[in-house]
Amino acid sequence: MGDSEVHDRIDPRVLALKGGLLAVWASVTFVACFFARDLQFMMGDWPFGYWLAAQGAVLAFIAIVVVHSICMKRLAPEDSEETDDGIDDA
C-alpha cells in the first residue's frame, strides 16, 4: 500500500480525537503540574499541590486511555473486531 492510499484512509475524526487527547495530556502534564505548587492548603499531612500533581495526573492519564479506547471502538469498529486467521491455538 502506498503512502497516498494510507493517507486517504485516515479518518479526520480519529485525527481530531488524537489531537484533542494530546492537548489534554499536555495540559495535565505541564500546566496542572506547574501550577500545583501554588496550591498551599494541606490535605492530610501533604500539600494539595502534591496530591494534584502526583495522583491527579495519573488518574487523568488513565482517563485519557479509557476515552481513547471507547472512542476508537466506535469510530473504527472494523479494527476492533477479532478475525479468524486460520491459526489453531491448540
N, C-alpha and C. Protein backbone atom coordinates (compact mmCIF):
# COMPACT_ATOMS: atom_id res chain seq x y z
N MET A 1 0.83 -1.16 0.00
CA MET A 1 0.00 0.00 0.00
C MET A 1 0.88 1.23 0.00
N GLY A 2 0.62 2.17 -0.87
CA GLY A 2 1.41 3.38 -0.95
C GLY A 2 1.01 4.40 0.10
N ASP A 3 1.84 5.43 0.22
CA ASP A 3 1.57 6.47 1.22
C ASP A 3 0.27 7.21 0.93
N SER A 4 -0.03 7.46 -0.35
CA SER A 4 -1.25 8.20 -0.67
C SER A 4 -2.49 7.40 -0.31
N GLU A 5 -2.44 6.07 -0.45
CA GLU A 5 -3.58 5.23 -0.08
C GLU A 5 -3.79 5.23 1.42
N VAL A 6 -2.73 5.21 2.18
CA VAL A 6 -2.84 5.22 3.64
C VAL A 6 -3.41 6.55 4.11
N HIS A 7 -2.94 7.66 3.55
CA HIS A 7 -3.44 8.98 3.96
C HIS A 7 -4.89 9.18 3.56
N ASP A 8 -5.34 8.54 2.48
CA ASP A 8 -6.74 8.65 2.08
C ASP A 8 -7.66 7.90 3.04
N ARG A 9 -7.15 6.87 3.71
CA ARG A 9 -7.98 6.06 4.59
C ARG A 9 -8.05 6.62 6.01
N ILE A 10 -7.25 7.60 6.35
CA ILE A 10 -7.26 8.15 7.71
C ILE A 10 -8.51 8.99 7.91
N ASP A 11 -9.25 8.65 8.95
CA ASP A 11 -10.49 9.35 9.27
C ASP A 11 -10.16 10.66 9.99
N PRO A 12 -10.69 11.78 9.53
CA PRO A 12 -10.40 13.05 10.21
C PRO A 12 -10.91 13.08 11.65
N ARG A 13 -11.95 12.30 11.96
CA ARG A 13 -12.44 12.24 13.34
C ARG A 13 -11.42 11.60 14.26
N VAL A 14 -10.69 10.61 13.74
CA VAL A 14 -9.65 9.95 14.53
C VAL A 14 -8.51 10.93 14.79
N LEU A 15 -8.14 11.70 13.78
CA LEU A 15 -7.08 12.70 13.96
C LEU A 15 -7.50 13.77 14.96
N ALA A 16 -8.78 14.18 14.91
CA ALA A 16 -9.27 15.17 15.87
C ALA A 16 -9.26 14.60 17.29
N LEU A 17 -9.64 13.34 17.43
CA LEU A 17 -9.61 12.70 18.74
C LEU A 17 -8.19 12.64 19.28
N LYS A 18 -7.25 12.22 18.45
CA LYS A 18 -5.86 12.14 18.88
C LYS A 18 -5.31 13.53 19.24
N GLY A 19 -5.64 14.53 18.45
CA GLY A 19 -5.19 15.89 18.74
C GLY A 19 -5.78 16.42 20.04
N GLY A 20 -7.06 16.16 20.26
CA GLY A 20 -7.70 16.62 21.49
C GLY A 20 -7.14 15.94 22.72
N LEU A 21 -6.95 14.62 22.64
CA LEU A 21 -6.39 13.90 23.78
C LEU A 21 -4.94 14.28 24.02
N LEU A 22 -4.21 14.58 22.97
CA LEU A 22 -2.83 15.05 23.13
C LEU A 22 -2.80 16.41 23.82
N ALA A 23 -3.77 17.27 23.49
CA ALA A 23 -3.85 18.58 24.16
C ALA A 23 -4.19 18.41 25.64
N VAL A 24 -5.09 17.48 25.96
CA VAL A 24 -5.42 17.21 27.36
C VAL A 24 -4.18 16.69 28.09
N TRP A 25 -3.47 15.76 27.46
CA TRP A 25 -2.25 15.20 28.06
C TRP A 25 -1.24 16.31 28.35
N ALA A 26 -1.02 17.19 27.37
CA ALA A 26 -0.03 18.25 27.54
C ALA A 26 -0.46 19.22 28.64
N SER A 27 -1.75 19.53 28.70
CA SER A 27 -2.20 20.47 29.73
C SER A 27 -2.10 19.84 31.12
N VAL A 28 -2.40 18.56 31.25
CA VAL A 28 -2.26 17.89 32.55
C VAL A 28 -0.79 17.81 32.93
N THR A 29 0.05 17.47 31.99
CA THR A 29 1.46 17.28 32.28
C THR A 29 2.16 18.59 32.63
N PHE A 30 1.94 19.61 31.84
CA PHE A 30 2.71 20.83 32.01
C PHE A 30 1.97 21.91 32.80
N VAL A 31 0.73 22.17 32.48
CA VAL A 31 0.01 23.28 33.10
C VAL A 31 -0.42 22.94 34.52
N ALA A 32 -1.13 21.82 34.70
CA ALA A 32 -1.63 21.48 36.03
C ALA A 32 -0.48 21.23 37.00
N CYS A 33 0.53 20.52 36.57
CA CYS A 33 1.66 20.25 37.47
C CYS A 33 2.48 21.51 37.76
N PHE A 34 2.54 22.43 36.82
CA PHE A 34 3.27 23.67 37.04
C PHE A 34 2.58 24.54 38.09
N PHE A 35 1.24 24.64 38.00
CA PHE A 35 0.50 25.49 38.92
C PHE A 35 0.13 24.77 40.22
N ALA A 36 0.39 23.48 40.32
CA ALA A 36 0.06 22.73 41.53
C ALA A 36 0.85 23.22 42.73
N ARG A 37 2.03 23.72 42.51
CA ARG A 37 2.85 24.19 43.64
C ARG A 37 2.27 25.43 44.30
N ASP A 38 1.37 26.14 43.61
CA ASP A 38 0.74 27.32 44.19
C ASP A 38 -0.42 26.98 45.13
N LEU A 39 -0.87 25.74 45.11
CA LEU A 39 -1.96 25.32 45.98
C LEU A 39 -1.37 24.93 47.32
N GLN A 40 -1.48 25.81 48.30
CA GLN A 40 -0.75 25.65 49.54
C GLN A 40 -1.55 25.00 50.67
N PHE A 41 -2.86 24.77 50.51
CA PHE A 41 -3.58 24.20 51.63
C PHE A 41 -3.26 22.73 51.79
N MET A 42 -3.40 22.24 53.00
CA MET A 42 -2.99 20.87 53.33
C MET A 42 -4.15 19.90 53.15
N MET A 43 -3.82 18.71 52.73
CA MET A 43 -4.77 17.61 52.63
C MET A 43 -4.13 16.45 53.38
N GLY A 44 -4.53 16.28 54.62
CA GLY A 44 -3.84 15.33 55.46
C GLY A 44 -2.49 15.93 55.87
N ASP A 45 -1.44 15.16 55.71
CA ASP A 45 -0.10 15.64 56.04
C ASP A 45 0.64 16.24 54.85
N TRP A 46 0.02 16.24 53.68
CA TRP A 46 0.69 16.67 52.47
C TRP A 46 -0.03 17.87 51.87
N PRO A 47 0.70 18.75 51.17
CA PRO A 47 0.05 19.87 50.48
C PRO A 47 -0.82 19.36 49.32
N PHE A 48 -1.90 20.08 49.05
CA PHE A 48 -2.82 19.67 48.00
C PHE A 48 -2.13 19.64 46.63
N GLY A 49 -1.18 20.52 46.41
CA GLY A 49 -0.46 20.55 45.14
C GLY A 49 0.26 19.23 44.86
N TYR A 50 0.78 18.61 45.92
CA TYR A 50 1.42 17.30 45.76
C TYR A 50 0.41 16.27 45.28
N TRP A 51 -0.76 16.25 45.90
CA TRP A 51 -1.77 15.27 45.51
C TRP A 51 -2.25 15.50 44.09
N LEU A 52 -2.40 16.77 43.72
CA LEU A 52 -2.84 17.08 42.36
C LEU A 52 -1.81 16.62 41.34
N ALA A 53 -0.56 16.90 41.58
CA ALA A 53 0.49 16.54 40.62
C ALA A 53 0.76 15.05 40.60
N ALA A 54 0.82 14.43 41.79
CA ALA A 54 1.22 13.02 41.85
C ALA A 54 0.06 12.07 41.54
N GLN A 55 -1.08 12.31 42.13
CA GLN A 55 -2.19 11.37 41.98
C GLN A 55 -3.18 11.80 40.89
N GLY A 56 -3.47 13.09 40.82
CA GLY A 56 -4.43 13.57 39.83
C GLY A 56 -3.95 13.38 38.41
N ALA A 57 -2.67 13.55 38.18
CA ALA A 57 -2.12 13.36 36.83
C ALA A 57 -2.25 11.91 36.39
N VAL A 58 -1.98 10.98 37.29
CA VAL A 58 -2.09 9.56 36.95
C VAL A 58 -3.54 9.21 36.62
N LEU A 59 -4.48 9.71 37.40
CA LEU A 59 -5.90 9.46 37.13
C LEU A 59 -6.32 10.08 35.80
N ALA A 60 -5.79 11.25 35.49
CA ALA A 60 -6.11 11.88 34.20
C ALA A 60 -5.55 11.07 33.04
N PHE A 61 -4.35 10.50 33.19
CA PHE A 61 -3.77 9.69 32.12
C PHE A 61 -4.57 8.41 31.90
N ILE A 62 -5.04 7.81 32.98
CA ILE A 62 -5.89 6.62 32.86
C ILE A 62 -7.19 6.98 32.16
N ALA A 63 -7.76 8.13 32.49
CA ALA A 63 -8.99 8.58 31.83
C ALA A 63 -8.76 8.82 30.34
N ILE A 64 -7.60 9.34 29.97
CA ILE A 64 -7.29 9.55 28.55
C ILE A 64 -7.27 8.22 27.80
N VAL A 65 -6.67 7.20 28.40
CA VAL A 65 -6.60 5.89 27.76
C VAL A 65 -8.00 5.29 27.62
N VAL A 66 -8.83 5.44 28.64
CA VAL A 66 -10.19 4.89 28.59
C VAL A 66 -11.02 5.61 27.52
N VAL A 67 -10.94 6.93 27.48
CA VAL A 67 -11.68 7.69 26.47
C VAL A 67 -11.21 7.31 25.07
N HIS A 68 -9.90 7.17 24.89
CA HIS A 68 -9.38 6.80 23.58
C HIS A 68 -9.90 5.42 23.15
N SER A 69 -9.89 4.47 24.05
CA SER A 69 -10.33 3.12 23.67
C SER A 69 -11.82 3.09 23.36
N ILE A 70 -12.63 3.80 24.12
CA ILE A 70 -14.08 3.82 23.87
C ILE A 70 -14.38 4.51 22.54
N CYS A 71 -13.75 5.65 22.30
CA CYS A 71 -13.99 6.38 21.05
C CYS A 71 -13.49 5.61 19.83
N MET A 72 -12.33 4.97 19.94
CA MET A 72 -11.82 4.22 18.79
C MET A 72 -12.67 2.99 18.49
N LYS A 73 -13.27 2.41 19.51
CA LYS A 73 -14.17 1.28 19.27
C LYS A 73 -15.39 1.73 18.47
N ARG A 74 -15.83 2.96 18.69
CA ARG A 74 -16.98 3.50 17.95
C ARG A 74 -16.58 4.02 16.58
N LEU A 75 -15.41 4.65 16.48
CA LEU A 75 -15.01 5.26 15.22
C LEU A 75 -14.47 4.25 14.21
N ALA A 76 -13.82 3.22 14.69
CA ALA A 76 -13.22 2.23 13.79
C ALA A 76 -13.57 0.82 14.26
N PRO A 77 -14.84 0.44 14.15
CA PRO A 77 -15.22 -0.88 14.67
C PRO A 77 -14.58 -2.04 13.90
N GLU A 78 -14.21 -1.81 12.64
CA GLU A 78 -13.59 -2.89 11.88
C GLU A 78 -12.19 -3.21 12.39
N ASP A 79 -11.54 -2.27 13.05
CA ASP A 79 -10.22 -2.51 13.60
C ASP A 79 -10.28 -3.26 14.93
N SER A 80 -11.41 -3.20 15.63
CA SER A 80 -11.51 -3.84 16.93
C SER A 80 -12.14 -5.23 16.86
N GLU A 81 -12.60 -5.65 15.68
CA GLU A 81 -13.19 -6.98 15.55
C GLU A 81 -12.10 -8.04 15.53
N GLU A 82 -12.42 -9.17 16.17
CA GLU A 82 -11.49 -10.29 16.13
C GLU A 82 -11.65 -11.00 14.79
N THR A 83 -10.53 -11.39 14.21
CA THR A 83 -10.56 -12.09 12.94
C THR A 83 -10.04 -13.50 13.11
N ASP A 84 -10.58 -14.40 12.33
CA ASP A 84 -10.12 -15.78 12.34
C ASP A 84 -9.10 -15.93 11.21
N ASP A 85 -7.83 -16.00 11.57
CA ASP A 85 -6.78 -16.06 10.56
C ASP A 85 -6.36 -17.49 10.23
N GLY A 86 -7.10 -18.47 10.75
CA GLY A 86 -6.82 -19.86 10.41
C GLY A 86 -5.76 -20.51 11.26
N ILE A 87 -5.31 -19.87 12.30
CA ILE A 87 -4.28 -20.45 13.17
C ILE A 87 -4.98 -21.09 14.36
N ASP A 88 -4.65 -22.36 14.59
CA ASP A 88 -5.23 -23.06 15.74
C ASP A 88 -4.41 -22.75 16.99
N ASP A 89 -5.11 -22.57 18.11
CA ASP A 89 -4.44 -22.30 19.36
C ASP A 89 -4.11 -23.56 20.15
N ALA A 90 -4.34 -24.70 19.58
CA ALA A 90 -4.13 -25.97 20.29
C ALA A 90 -2.70 -26.24 20.42
